[in-house]
PDB file of N, CA and C in Angstrom:
ATOM      1  N   MET A   1      36.717  37.074 -11.320  1.00  0.00           N
ATOM      2  CA  MET A   1      35.684  36.061 -11.412  1.00  0.00           C
ATOM      3  C   MET A   1      36.231  34.718 -10.956  1.00  0.00           C
ATOM      4  N   SER A   2      35.341  33.911 -10.416  1.00  0.00           N
ATOM      5  CA  SER A   2      35.758  32.576  -9.981  1.00  0.00           C
ATOM      6  C   SER A   2      35.065  31.522 -10.836  1.00  0.00           C
ATOM      7  N   ASP A   3      35.700  30.372 -10.893  1.00  0.00           N
ATOM      8  CA  ASP A   3      35.110  29.263 -11.643  1.00  0.00           C
ATOM      9  C   ASP A   3      33.911  28.711 -10.897  1.00  0.00           C
ATOM     10  N   LEU A   4      32.987  28.154 -11.634  1.00  0.00           N
ATOM     11  CA  LEU A   4      31.840  27.496 -11.005  1.00  0.00           C
ATOM     12  C   LEU A   4      32.316  26.193 -10.394  1.00  0.00           C
ATOM     13  N   ALA A   5      31.865  25.895  -9.219  1.00  0.00           N
ATOM     14  CA  ALA A   5      32.265  24.663  -8.549  1.00  0.00           C
ATOM     15  C   ALA A   5      31.027  23.850  -8.210  1.00  0.00           C
ATOM     16  N   VAL A   6      31.179  22.552  -8.235  1.00  0.00           N
ATOM     17  CA  VAL A   6      30.098  21.643  -7.885  1.00  0.00           C
ATOM     18  C   VAL A   6      30.212  21.328  -6.398  1.00  0.00           C
ATOM     19  N   SER A   7      29.093  21.396  -5.727  1.00  0.00           N
ATOM     20  CA  SER A   7      29.062  21.086  -4.306  1.00  0.00           C
ATOM     21  C   SER A   7      29.443  19.630  -4.077  1.00  0.00           C
ATOM     22  N   PRO A   8      30.330  19.346  -3.101  1.00  0.00           N
ATOM     23  CA  PRO A   8      30.711  17.959  -2.822  1.00  0.00           C
ATOM     24  C   PRO A   8      29.525  17.075  -2.452  1.00  0.00           C
ATOM     25  N   SER A   9      28.486  17.661  -1.863  1.00  0.00           N
ATOM     26  CA  SER A   9      27.324  16.857  -1.480  1.00  0.00           C
ATOM     27  C   SER A   9      26.583  16.319  -2.702  1.00  0.00           C
ATOM     28  N   LEU A  10      26.684  17.019  -3.841  1.00  0.00           N
ATOM     29  CA  LEU A  10      26.045  16.526  -5.062  1.00  0.00           C
ATOM     30  C   LEU A  10      26.784  15.329  -5.645  1.00  0.00           C
ATOM     31  N   LEU A  11      28.083  15.242  -5.356  1.00  0.00           N
ATOM     32  CA  LEU A  11      28.896  14.154  -5.890  1.00  0.00           C
ATOM     33  C   LEU A  11      28.904  12.927  -4.983  1.00  0.00           C
ATOM     34  N   ALA A  12      28.407  13.088  -3.754  1.00  0.00           N
ATOM     35  CA  ALA A  12      28.392  11.976  -2.807  1.00  0.00           C
ATOM     36  C   ALA A  12      27.434  10.887  -3.283  1.00  0.00           C
ATOM     37  N   PRO A  13      27.772   9.630  -3.044  1.00  0.00           N
ATOM     38  CA  PRO A  13      26.870   8.552  -3.464  1.00  0.00           C
ATOM     39  C   PRO A  13      25.578   8.596  -2.657  1.00  0.00           C
ATOM     40  N   ASN A  14      24.528   8.081  -3.268  1.00  0.00           N
ATOM     41  CA  ASN A  14      23.244   8.008  -2.565  1.00  0.00           C
ATOM     42  C   ASN A  14      23.376   7.065  -1.381  1.00  0.00           C
ATOM     43  N   ILE A  15      22.778   7.447  -0.286  1.00  0.00           N
ATOM     44  CA  ILE A  15      22.847   6.649   0.925  1.00  0.00           C
ATOM     45  C   ILE A  15      21.668   5.694   0.926  1.00  0.00           C
ATOM     46  N   ALA A  16      21.943   4.421   1.082  1.00  0.00           N
ATOM     47  CA  ALA A  16      20.885   3.403   1.054  1.00  0.00           C
ATOM     48  C   ALA A  16      20.111   3.425   2.363  1.00  0.00           C
ATOM     49  N   THR A  17      18.794   3.350   2.261  1.00  0.00           N
ATOM     50  CA  THR A  17      17.929   3.255   3.425  1.00  0.00           C
ATOM     51  C   THR A  17      16.977   2.097   3.200  1.00  0.00           C
ATOM     52  N   PRO A  18      16.358   1.609   4.256  1.00  0.00           N
ATOM     53  CA  PRO A  18      15.403   0.509   4.080  1.00  0.00           C
ATOM     54  C   PRO A  18      14.316   0.878   3.073  1.00  0.00           C
ATOM     55  N   SER A  19      13.885  -0.089   2.291  1.00  0.00           N
ATOM     56  CA  SER A  19      12.952   0.177   1.195  1.00  0.00           C
ATOM     57  C   SER A  19      11.587   0.690   1.667  1.00  0.00           C
ATOM     58  N   ALA A  20      11.085   0.192   2.794  1.00  0.00           N
ATOM     59  CA  ALA A  20       9.778   0.664   3.281  1.00  0.00           C
ATOM     60  C   ALA A  20       9.859   2.141   3.656  1.00  0.00           C
ATOM     61  N   GLU A  21      10.961   2.523   4.271  1.00  0.00           N
ATOM     62  CA  GLU A  21      11.136   3.920   4.668  1.00  0.00           C
ATOM     63  C   GLU A  21      11.292   4.809   3.429  1.00  0.00           C
ATOM     64  N   THR A  22      12.037   4.330   2.451  1.00  0.00           N
ATOM     65  CA  THR A  22      12.217   5.077   1.214  1.00  0.00           C
ATOM     66  C   THR A  22      10.885   5.210   0.477  1.00  0.00           C
ATOM     67  N   ALA A  23      10.076   4.174   0.498  1.00  0.00           N
ATOM     68  CA  ALA A  23       8.764   4.227  -0.155  1.00  0.00           C
ATOM     69  C   ALA A  23       7.881   5.282   0.506  1.00  0.00           C
ATOM     70  N   ARG A  24       7.938   5.376   1.822  1.00  0.00           N
ATOM     71  CA  ARG A  24       7.156   6.398   2.533  1.00  0.00           C
ATOM     72  C   ARG A  24       7.663   7.786   2.186  1.00  0.00           C
ATOM     73  N   MET A  25       8.978   7.927   2.108  1.00  0.00           N
ATOM     74  CA  MET A  25       9.550   9.222   1.732  1.00  0.00           C
ATOM     75  C   MET A  25       9.108   9.601   0.318  1.00  0.00           C
ATOM     76  N   ARG A  26       9.142   8.618  -0.577  1.00  0.00           N
ATOM     77  CA  ARG A  26       8.757   8.858  -1.969  1.00  0.00           C
ATOM     78  C   ARG A  26       7.293   9.295  -2.044  1.00  0.00           C
ATOM     79  N   GLU A  27       6.433   8.602  -1.298  1.00  0.00           N
ATOM     80  CA  GLU A  27       5.010   8.947  -1.292  1.00  0.00           C
ATOM     81  C   GLU A  27       4.794  10.366  -0.776  1.00  0.00           C
ATOM     82  N   THR A  28       5.482  10.718   0.295  1.00  0.00           N
ATOM     83  CA  THR A  28       5.360  12.060   0.861  1.00  0.00           C
ATOM     84  C   THR A  28       5.858  13.115  -0.127  1.00  0.00           C
ATOM     85  N   ALA A  29       6.986  12.827  -0.770  1.00  0.00           N
ATOM     86  CA  ALA A  29       7.549  13.769  -1.740  1.00  0.00           C
ATOM     87  C   ALA A  29       6.624  13.940  -2.939  1.00  0.00           C
ATOM     88  N   GLU A  30       5.997  12.853  -3.381  1.00  0.00           N
ATOM     89  CA  GLU A  30       5.065  12.944  -4.509  1.00  0.00           C
ATOM     90  C   GLU A  30       3.814  13.736  -4.116  1.00  0.00           C
ATOM     91  N   GLN A  31       3.342  13.556  -2.880  1.00  0.00           N
ATOM     92  CA  GLN A  31       2.195  14.343  -2.415  1.00  0.00           C
ATOM     93  C   GLN A  31       2.551  15.830  -2.378  1.00  0.00           C
ATOM     94  N   PHE A  32       3.775  16.127  -1.968  1.00  0.00           N
ATOM     95  CA  PHE A  32       4.236  17.513  -1.959  1.00  0.00           C
ATOM     96  C   PHE A  32       4.276  18.072  -3.378  1.00  0.00           C
ATOM     97  N   GLU A  33       4.786  17.273  -4.333  1.00  0.00           N
ATOM     98  CA  GLU A  33       4.850  17.721  -5.722  1.00  0.00           C
ATOM     99  C   GLU A  33       3.444  17.940  -6.293  1.00  0.00           C
ATOM    100  N   VAL A  34       2.500  17.070  -5.952  1.00  0.00           N
ATOM    101  CA  VAL A  34       1.105  17.244  -6.400  1.00  0.00           C
ATOM    102  C   VAL A  34       0.553  18.567  -5.869  1.00  0.00           C
ATOM    103  N   SER A  35       0.780  18.825  -4.596  1.00  0.00           N
ATOM    104  CA  SER A  35       0.286  20.061  -3.999  1.00  0.00           C
ATOM    105  C   SER A  35       0.912  21.281  -4.668  1.00  0.00           C
ATOM    106  N   PHE A  36       2.217  21.217  -4.912  1.00  0.00           N
ATOM    107  CA  PHE A  36       2.919  22.316  -5.574  1.00  0.00           C
ATOM    108  C   PHE A  36       2.360  22.552  -6.975  1.00  0.00           C
ATOM    109  N   LEU A  37       2.230  21.475  -7.749  1.00  0.00           N
ATOM    110  CA  LEU A  37       1.718  21.611  -9.113  1.00  0.00           C
ATOM    111  C   LEU A  37       0.290  22.150  -9.136  1.00  0.00           C
ATOM    112  N   ALA A  38      -0.536  21.686  -8.215  1.00  0.00           N
ATOM    113  CA  ALA A  38      -1.920  22.170  -8.157  1.00  0.00           C
ATOM    114  C   ALA A  38      -1.947  23.676  -7.908  1.00  0.00           C
ATOM    115  N   GLN A  39      -1.083  24.152  -7.018  1.00  0.00           N
ATOM    116  CA  GLN A  39      -1.020  25.585  -6.741  1.00  0.00           C
ATOM    117  C   GLN A  39      -0.513  26.367  -7.947  1.00  0.00           C
ATOM    118  N   MET A  40       0.383  25.767  -8.716  1.00  0.00           N
ATOM    119  CA  MET A  40       0.910  26.429  -9.912  1.00  0.00           C
ATOM    120  C   MET A  40      -0.111  26.418 -11.065  1.00  0.00           C
ATOM    121  N   LEU A  41      -0.940  25.381 -11.133  1.00  0.00           N
ATOM    122  CA  LEU A  41      -1.945  25.286 -12.193  1.00  0.00           C
ATOM    123  C   LEU A  41      -3.170  26.159 -11.924  1.00  0.00           C
ATOM    124  N   LYS A  42      -3.472  26.384 -10.667  1.00  0.00           N
ATOM    125  CA  LYS A  42      -4.694  27.107 -10.296  1.00  0.00           C
ATOM    126  C   LYS A  42      -4.846  28.455 -11.003  1.00  0.00           C
ATOM    127  N   PRO A  43      -3.815  29.296 -11.068  1.00  0.00           N
ATOM    128  CA  PRO A  43      -3.993  30.599 -11.736  1.00  0.00           C
ATOM    129  C   PRO A  43      -4.298  30.491 -13.235  1.00  0.00           C
ATOM    130  N   MET A  44      -3.935  29.378 -13.856  1.00  0.00           N
ATOM    131  CA  MET A  44      -4.223  29.207 -15.280  1.00  0.00           C
ATOM    132  C   MET A  44      -5.719  29.195 -15.564  1.00  0.00           C
ATOM    133  N   PHE A  45      -6.513  28.777 -14.590  1.00  0.00           N
ATOM    134  CA  PHE A  45      -7.939  28.592 -14.809  1.00  0.00           C
ATOM    135  C   PHE A  45      -8.796  29.679 -14.174  1.00  0.00           C
ATOM    136  N   GLU A  46      -8.180  30.611 -13.456  1.00  0.00           N
ATOM    137  CA  GLU A  46      -8.968  31.618 -12.745  1.00  0.00           C
ATOM    138  C   GLU A  46      -9.731  32.556 -13.662  1.00  0.00           C
ATOM    139  N   GLY A  47      -9.188  32.898 -14.809  1.00  0.00           N
ATOM    140  CA  GLY A  47      -9.854  33.848 -15.687  1.00  0.00           C
ATOM    141  C   GLY A  47     -10.748  33.213 -16.730  1.00  0.00           C
ATOM    142  N   ILE A  48     -10.893  31.903 -16.709  1.00  0.00           N
ATOM    143  CA  ILE A  48     -11.694  31.224 -17.721  1.00  0.00           C
ATOM    144  C   ILE A  48     -13.167  31.296 -17.345  1.00  0.00           C
ATOM    145  N   SER A  49     -13.957  31.755 -18.290  1.00  0.00           N
ATOM    146  CA  SER A  49     -15.392  31.861 -18.073  1.00  0.00           C
ATOM    147  C   SER A  49     -16.041  30.484 -18.207  1.00  0.00           C
ATOM    148  N   THR A  50     -17.032  30.215 -17.381  1.00  0.00           N
ATOM    149  CA  THR A  50     -17.720  28.924 -17.448  1.00  0.00           C
ATOM    150  C   THR A  50     -19.030  29.014 -18.219  1.00  0.00           C
ATOM    151  N   ASP A  51     -19.344  30.195 -18.748  1.00  0.00           N
ATOM    152  CA  ASP A  51     -20.566  30.284 -19.544  1.00  0.00           C
ATOM    153  C   ASP A  51     -20.211  30.118 -21.026  1.00  0.00           C
ATOM    154  N   GLY A  52     -21.188  29.999 -21.846  1.00  0.00           N
ATOM    155  CA  GLY A  52     -20.953  29.788 -23.272  1.00  0.00           C
ATOM    156  C   GLY A  52     -21.654  28.531 -23.735  1.00  0.00           C
ATOM    157  N   PRO A  53     -21.583  28.226 -25.018  1.00  0.00           N
ATOM    158  CA  PRO A  53     -22.334  27.092 -25.543  1.00  0.00           C
ATOM    159  C   PRO A  53     -21.912  25.741 -24.953  1.00  0.00           C
ATOM    160  N   PHE A  54     -20.660  25.580 -24.605  1.00  0.00           N
ATOM    161  CA  PHE A  54     -20.222  24.287 -24.062  1.00  0.00           C
ATOM    162  C   PHE A  54     -19.694  24.405 -22.639  1.00  0.00           C
ATOM    163  N   GLY A  55     -19.955  25.529 -21.999  1.00  0.00           N
ATOM    164  CA  GLY A  55     -19.505  25.743 -20.633  1.00  0.00           C
ATOM    165  C   GLY A  55     -20.366  24.972 -19.650  1.00  0.00           C
ATOM    166  N   GLY A  56     -19.784  24.687 -18.513  1.00  0.00           N
ATOM    167  CA  GLY A  56     -20.490  23.919 -17.504  1.00  0.00           C
ATOM    168  C   GLY A  56     -21.199  24.770 -16.481  1.00  0.00           C
ATOM    169  N   GLY A  57     -21.151  26.068 -16.669  1.00  0.00           N
ATOM    170  CA  GLY A  57     -21.835  26.964 -15.749  1.00  0.00           C
ATOM    171  C   GLY A  57     -21.234  26.947 -14.360  1.00  0.00           C
ATOM    172  N   GLU A  58     -22.070  27.151 -13.369  1.00  0.00           N
ATOM    173  CA  GLU A  58     -21.619  27.207 -11.984  1.00  0.00           C
ATOM    174  C   GLU A  58     -21.020  25.887 -11.532  1.00  0.00           C
ATOM    175  N   ALA A  59     -21.540  24.776 -11.996  1.00  0.00           N
ATOM    176  CA  ALA A  59     -21.021  23.461 -11.588  1.00  0.00           C
ATOM    177  C   ALA A  59     -19.567  23.292 -12.016  1.00  0.00           C
ATOM    178  N   GLU A  60     -19.248  23.779 -13.206  1.00  0.00           N
ATOM    179  CA  GLU A  60     -17.864  23.669 -13.667  1.00  0.00           C
ATOM    180  C   GLU A  60     -16.928  24.435 -12.734  1.00  0.00           C
ATOM    181  N   GLY A  61     -17.355  25.610 -12.332  1.00  0.00           N
ATOM    182  CA  GLY A  61     -16.556  26.403 -11.397  1.00  0.00           C
ATOM    183  C   GLY A  61     -16.381  25.702 -10.060  1.00  0.00           C
ATOM    184  N   GLN A  62     -17.440  25.034  -9.603  1.00  0.00           N
ATOM    185  CA  GLN A  62     -17.381  24.328  -8.323  1.00  0.00           C
ATOM    186  C   GLN A  62     -16.430  23.137  -8.365  1.00  0.00           C
ATOM    187  N   TRP A  63     -16.383  22.425  -9.485  1.00  0.00           N
ATOM    188  CA  TRP A  63     -15.582  21.204  -9.600  1.00  0.00           C
ATOM    189  C   TRP A  63     -14.187  21.448 -10.166  1.00  0.00           C
ATOM    190  N   ARG A  64     -13.886  22.668 -10.525  1.00  0.00           N
ATOM    191  CA  ARG A  64     -12.603  22.981 -11.148  1.00  0.00           C
ATOM    192  C   ARG A  64     -11.415  22.598 -10.257  1.00  0.00           C
ATOM    193  N   SER A  65     -11.508  22.826  -8.969  1.00  0.00           N
ATOM    194  CA  SER A  65     -10.380  22.498  -8.083  1.00  0.00           C
ATOM    195  C   SER A  65     -10.077  20.999  -8.089  1.00  0.00           C
ATOM    196  N   PHE A  66     -11.127  20.173  -8.224  1.00  0.00           N
ATOM    197  CA  PHE A  66     -10.917  18.728  -8.303  1.00  0.00           C
ATOM    198  C   PHE A  66     -10.204  18.358  -9.608  1.00  0.00           C
ATOM    199  N   MET A  67     -10.588  19.037 -10.688  1.00  0.00           N
ATOM    200  CA  MET A  67      -9.947  18.788 -11.972  1.00  0.00           C
ATOM    201  C   MET A  67      -8.466  19.187 -11.910  1.00  0.00           C
ATOM    202  N   ILE A  68      -8.171  20.316 -11.302  1.00  0.00           N
ATOM    203  CA  ILE A  68      -6.790  20.775 -11.180  1.00  0.00           C
ATOM    204  C   ILE A  68      -5.976  19.788 -10.352  1.00  0.00           C
ATOM    205  N   ASP A  69      -6.548  19.304  -9.248  1.00  0.00           N
ATOM    206  CA  ASP A  69      -5.849  18.315  -8.418  1.00  0.00           C
ATOM    207  C   ASP A  69      -5.553  17.043  -9.208  1.00  0.00           C
ATOM    208  N   GLU A  70      -6.515  16.594  -9.990  1.00  0.00           N
ATOM    209  CA  GLU A  70      -6.301  15.382 -10.790  1.00  0.00           C
ATOM    210  C   GLU A  70      -5.264  15.600 -11.885  1.00  0.00           C
ATOM    211  N   MET A  71      -5.238  16.782 -12.466  1.00  0.00           N
ATOM    212  CA  MET A  71      -4.217  17.095 -13.459  1.00  0.00           C
ATOM    213  C   MET A  71      -2.828  17.037 -12.812  1.00  0.00           C
ATOM    214  N   ALA A  72      -2.714  17.573 -11.608  1.00  0.00           N
ATOM    215  CA  ALA A  72      -1.436  17.551 -10.896  1.00  0.00           C
ATOM    216  C   ALA A  72      -1.037  16.111 -10.550  1.00  0.00           C
ATOM    217  N   LYS A  73      -2.008  15.306 -10.083  1.00  0.00           N
ATOM    218  CA  LYS A  73      -1.715  13.904  -9.751  1.00  0.00           C
ATOM    219  C   LYS A  73      -1.257  13.133 -10.982  1.00  0.00           C
ATOM    220  N   GLN A  74      -1.926  13.346 -12.098  1.00  0.00           N
ATOM    221  CA  GLN A  74      -1.559  12.645 -13.324  1.00  0.00           C
ATOM    222  C   GLN A  74      -0.174  13.072 -13.803  1.00  0.00           C
ATOM    223  N   THR A  75       0.134  14.334 -13.660  1.00  0.00           N
ATOM    224  CA  THR A  75       1.458  14.820 -14.045  1.00  0.00           C
ATOM    225  C   THR A  75       2.540  14.136 -13.223  1.00  0.00           C
ATOM    226  N   VAL A  76       2.304  13.985 -11.930  1.00  0.00           N
ATOM    227  CA  VAL A  76       3.279  13.316 -11.058  1.00  0.00           C
ATOM    228  C   VAL A  76       3.364  11.831 -11.404  1.00  0.00           C
ATOM    229  N   ARG A  77       2.222  11.192 -11.701  1.00  0.00           N
ATOM    230  CA  ARG A  77       2.224   9.762 -12.058  1.00  0.00           C
ATOM    231  C   ARG A  77       3.101   9.463 -13.269  1.00  0.00           C
ATOM    232  N   VAL A  78       3.145  10.378 -14.217  1.00  0.00           N
ATOM    233  CA  VAL A  78       3.914  10.128 -15.438  1.00  0.00           C
ATOM    234  C   VAL A  78       5.329  10.705 -15.373  1.00  0.00           C
ATOM    235  N   GLY A  79       5.749  11.106 -14.194  1.00  0.00           N
ATOM    236  CA  GLY A  79       7.131  11.567 -14.043  1.00  0.00           C
ATOM    237  C   GLY A  79       7.279  12.929 -13.417  1.00  0.00           C
ATOM    238  N   GLY A  80       6.250  13.717 -13.454  1.00  0.00           N
ATOM    239  CA  GLY A  80       6.274  15.020 -12.809  1.00  0.00           C
ATOM    240  C   GLY A  80       7.313  15.963 -13.379  1.00  0.00           C
ATOM    241  N   ILE A  81       7.728  16.902 -12.549  1.00  0.00           N
ATOM    242  CA  ILE A  81       8.710  17.898 -12.955  1.00  0.00           C
ATOM    243  C   ILE A  81      10.044  17.685 -12.260  1.00  0.00           C
ATOM    244  N   GLY A  82      10.176  16.582 -11.531  1.00  0.00           N
ATOM    245  CA  GLY A  82      11.434  16.271 -10.859  1.00  0.00           C
ATOM    246  C   GLY A  82      11.519  16.766  -9.428  1.00  0.00           C
ATOM    247  N   LEU A  83      10.493  17.422  -8.964  1.00  0.00           N
ATOM    248  CA  LEU A  83      10.514  17.955  -7.608  1.00  0.00           C
ATOM    249  C   LEU A  83      10.539  16.838  -6.567  1.00  0.00           C
ATOM    250  N   ALA A  84       9.757  15.790  -6.779  1.00  0.00           N
ATOM    251  CA  ALA A  84       9.718  14.674  -5.815  1.00  0.00           C
ATOM    252  C   ALA A  84      11.082  14.008  -5.703  1.00  0.00           C
ATOM    253  N   ASP A  85      11.793  13.844  -6.817  1.00  0.00           N
ATOM    254  CA  ASP A  85      13.131  13.241  -6.780  1.00  0.00           C
ATOM    255  C   ASP A  85      14.079  14.060  -5.917  1.00  0.00           C
ATOM    256  N   THR A  86      14.029  15.370  -6.089  1.00  0.00           N
ATOM    257  CA  THR A  86      14.885  16.258  -5.313  1.00  0.00           C
ATOM    258  C   THR A  86      14.532  16.211  -3.835  1.00  0.00           C
ATOM    259  N   VAL A  87      13.243  16.193  -3.544  1.00  0.00           N
ATOM    260  CA  VAL A  87      12.799  16.159  -2.143  1.00  0.00           C
ATOM    261  C   VAL A  87      13.223  14.848  -1.481  1.00  0.00           C
ATOM    262  N   VAL A  88      13.066  13.714  -2.170  1.00  0.00           N
ATOM    263  CA  VAL A  88      13.471  12.418  -1.609  1.00  0.00           C
ATOM    264  C   VAL A  88      14.974  12.410  -1.335  1.00  0.00           C
ATOM    265  N   SER A  89      15.763  12.878  -2.282  1.00  0.00           N
ATOM    266  CA  SER A  89      17.214  12.915  -2.096  1.00  0.00           C
ATOM    267  C   SER A  89      17.588  13.756  -0.882  1.00  0.00           C
ATOM    268  N   GLU A  90      16.931  14.886  -0.741  1.00  0.00           N
ATOM    269  CA  GLU A  90      17.215  15.767   0.392  1.00  0.00           C
ATOM    270  C   GLU A  90      16.769  15.128   1.705  1.00  0.00           C
ATOM    271  N   MET A  91      15.630  14.443   1.708  1.00  0.00           N
ATOM    272  CA  MET A  91      15.167  13.774   2.927  1.00  0.00           C
ATOM    273  C   MET A  91      16.153  12.684   3.345  1.00  0.00           C
ATOM    274  N   ILE A  92      16.653  11.923   2.386  1.00  0.00           N
ATOM    275  CA  ILE A  92      17.624  10.859   2.695  1.00  0.00           C
ATOM    276  C   ILE A  92      18.909  11.467   3.224  1.00  0.00           C
ATOM    277  N   ARG A  93      19.380  12.554   2.602  1.00  0.00           N
ATOM    278  CA  ARG A  93      20.609  13.206   3.052  1.00  0.00           C
ATOM    279  C   ARG A  93      20.450  13.744   4.471  1.00  0.00           C
ATOM    280  N   MET A  94      19.317  14.380   4.735  1.00  0.00           N
ATOM    281  CA  MET A  94      19.082  14.931   6.072  1.00  0.00           C
ATOM    282  C   MET A  94      18.989  13.827   7.115  1.00  0.00           C
ATOM    283  N   GLN A  95      18.357  12.720   6.744  1.00  0.00           N
ATOM    284  CA  GLN A  95      18.240  11.596   7.669  1.00  0.00           C
ATOM    285  C   GLN A  95      19.616  11.007   7.980  1.00  0.00           C
ATOM    286  N   ALA A  96      20.465  10.906   6.968  1.00  0.00           N
ATOM    287  CA  ALA A  96      21.811  10.379   7.171  1.00  0.00           C
ATOM    288  C   ALA A  96      22.623  11.299   8.075  1.00  0.00           C
ATOM    289  N   GLU A  97      22.509  12.595   7.865  1.00  0.00           N
ATOM    290  CA  GLU A  97      23.205  13.562   8.713  1.00  0.00           C
ATOM    291  C   GLU A  97      22.716  13.476  10.152  1.00  0.00           C
ATOM    292  N   GLN A  98      21.404  13.338  10.310  1.00  0.00           N
ATOM    293  CA  GLN A  98      20.837  13.261  11.650  1.00  0.00           C
ATOM    294  C   GLN A  98      21.303  11.994  12.361  1.00  0.00           C
ATOM    295  N   SER A  99      21.363  10.881  11.653  1.00  0.00           N
ATOM    296  CA  SER A  99      21.789   9.636  12.287  1.00  0.00           C
ATOM    297  C   SER A  99      23.256   9.668  12.674  1.00  0.00           C
ATOM    298  N   GLN A 100      24.058  10.464  11.970  1.00  0.00           N
ATOM    299  CA  GLN A 100      25.484  10.575  12.298  1.00  0.00           C
ATOM    300  C   GLN A 100      25.711  11.460  13.511  1.00  0.00           C
ATOM    301  N   THR A 101      24.808  12.409  13.764  1.00  0.00           N
ATOM    302  CA  THR A 101      24.986  13.324  14.878  1.00  0.00           C
ATOM    303  C   THR A 101      24.319  12.841  16.162  1.00  0.00           C
ATOM    304  N   LEU A 102      23.523  11.789  16.091  1.00  0.00           N
ATOM    305  CA  LEU A 102      22.868  11.268  17.304  1.00  0.00           C
ATOM    306  C   LEU A 102      23.896  10.599  18.196  1.00  0.00           C
ATOM    307  N   PRO A 103      23.748  10.750  19.520  1.00  0.00           N
ATOM    308  CA  PRO A 103      24.668  10.070  20.445  1.00  0.00           C
ATOM    309  C   PRO A 103      24.557   8.557  20.282  1.00  0.00           C
ATOM    310  N   GLY A 104      25.681   7.902  20.247  1.00  0.00           N
ATOM    311  CA  GLY A 104      25.689   6.438  20.121  1.00  0.00           C
ATOM    312  C   GLY A 104      25.589   5.961  18.712  1.00  0.00           C
ATOM    313  N   ALA A 105      25.534   6.875  17.739  1.00  0.00           N
ATOM    314  CA  ALA A 105      25.457   6.466  16.332  1.00  0.00           C
ATOM    315  C   ALA A 105      26.821   5.981  15.874  1.00  0.00           C
ATOM    316  N   THR A 106      26.790   4.973  15.037  1.00  0.00           N
ATOM    317  CA  THR A 106      28.048   4.455  14.500  1.00  0.00           C
ATOM    318  C   THR A 106      28.215   4.916  13.073  1.00  0.00           C
ATOM    319  N   ALA A 107      29.450   5.166  12.700  1.00  0.00           N
ATOM    320  CA  ALA A 107      29.715   5.636  11.339  1.00  0.00           C
ATOM    321  C   ALA A 107      30.065   4.506  10.427  1.00  0.00           C
TER     322      ALA A 107
END
């Protein structure tokens, strides 16, 4: 057996990028997390009947996808599940690697 080792890339310091670019990356990563969460939440509601004394009937079924999307957005607004943080870090790392491999790039 071998010991568990930490990847050197995890120990590397975060690479600073311009704030406007980082904000765009963050927004994109959060949109990705919303989409992911919405897809994960969708099966939770598939078997729920919309009839009954307080059910919304067919209209509830029609608007359910909007409710699921809003639940996912709210989850991300309050911190999410950490997926956006991971995606942003990976986008910054990939961008730094790409800038180092471009011709004429300075280290």
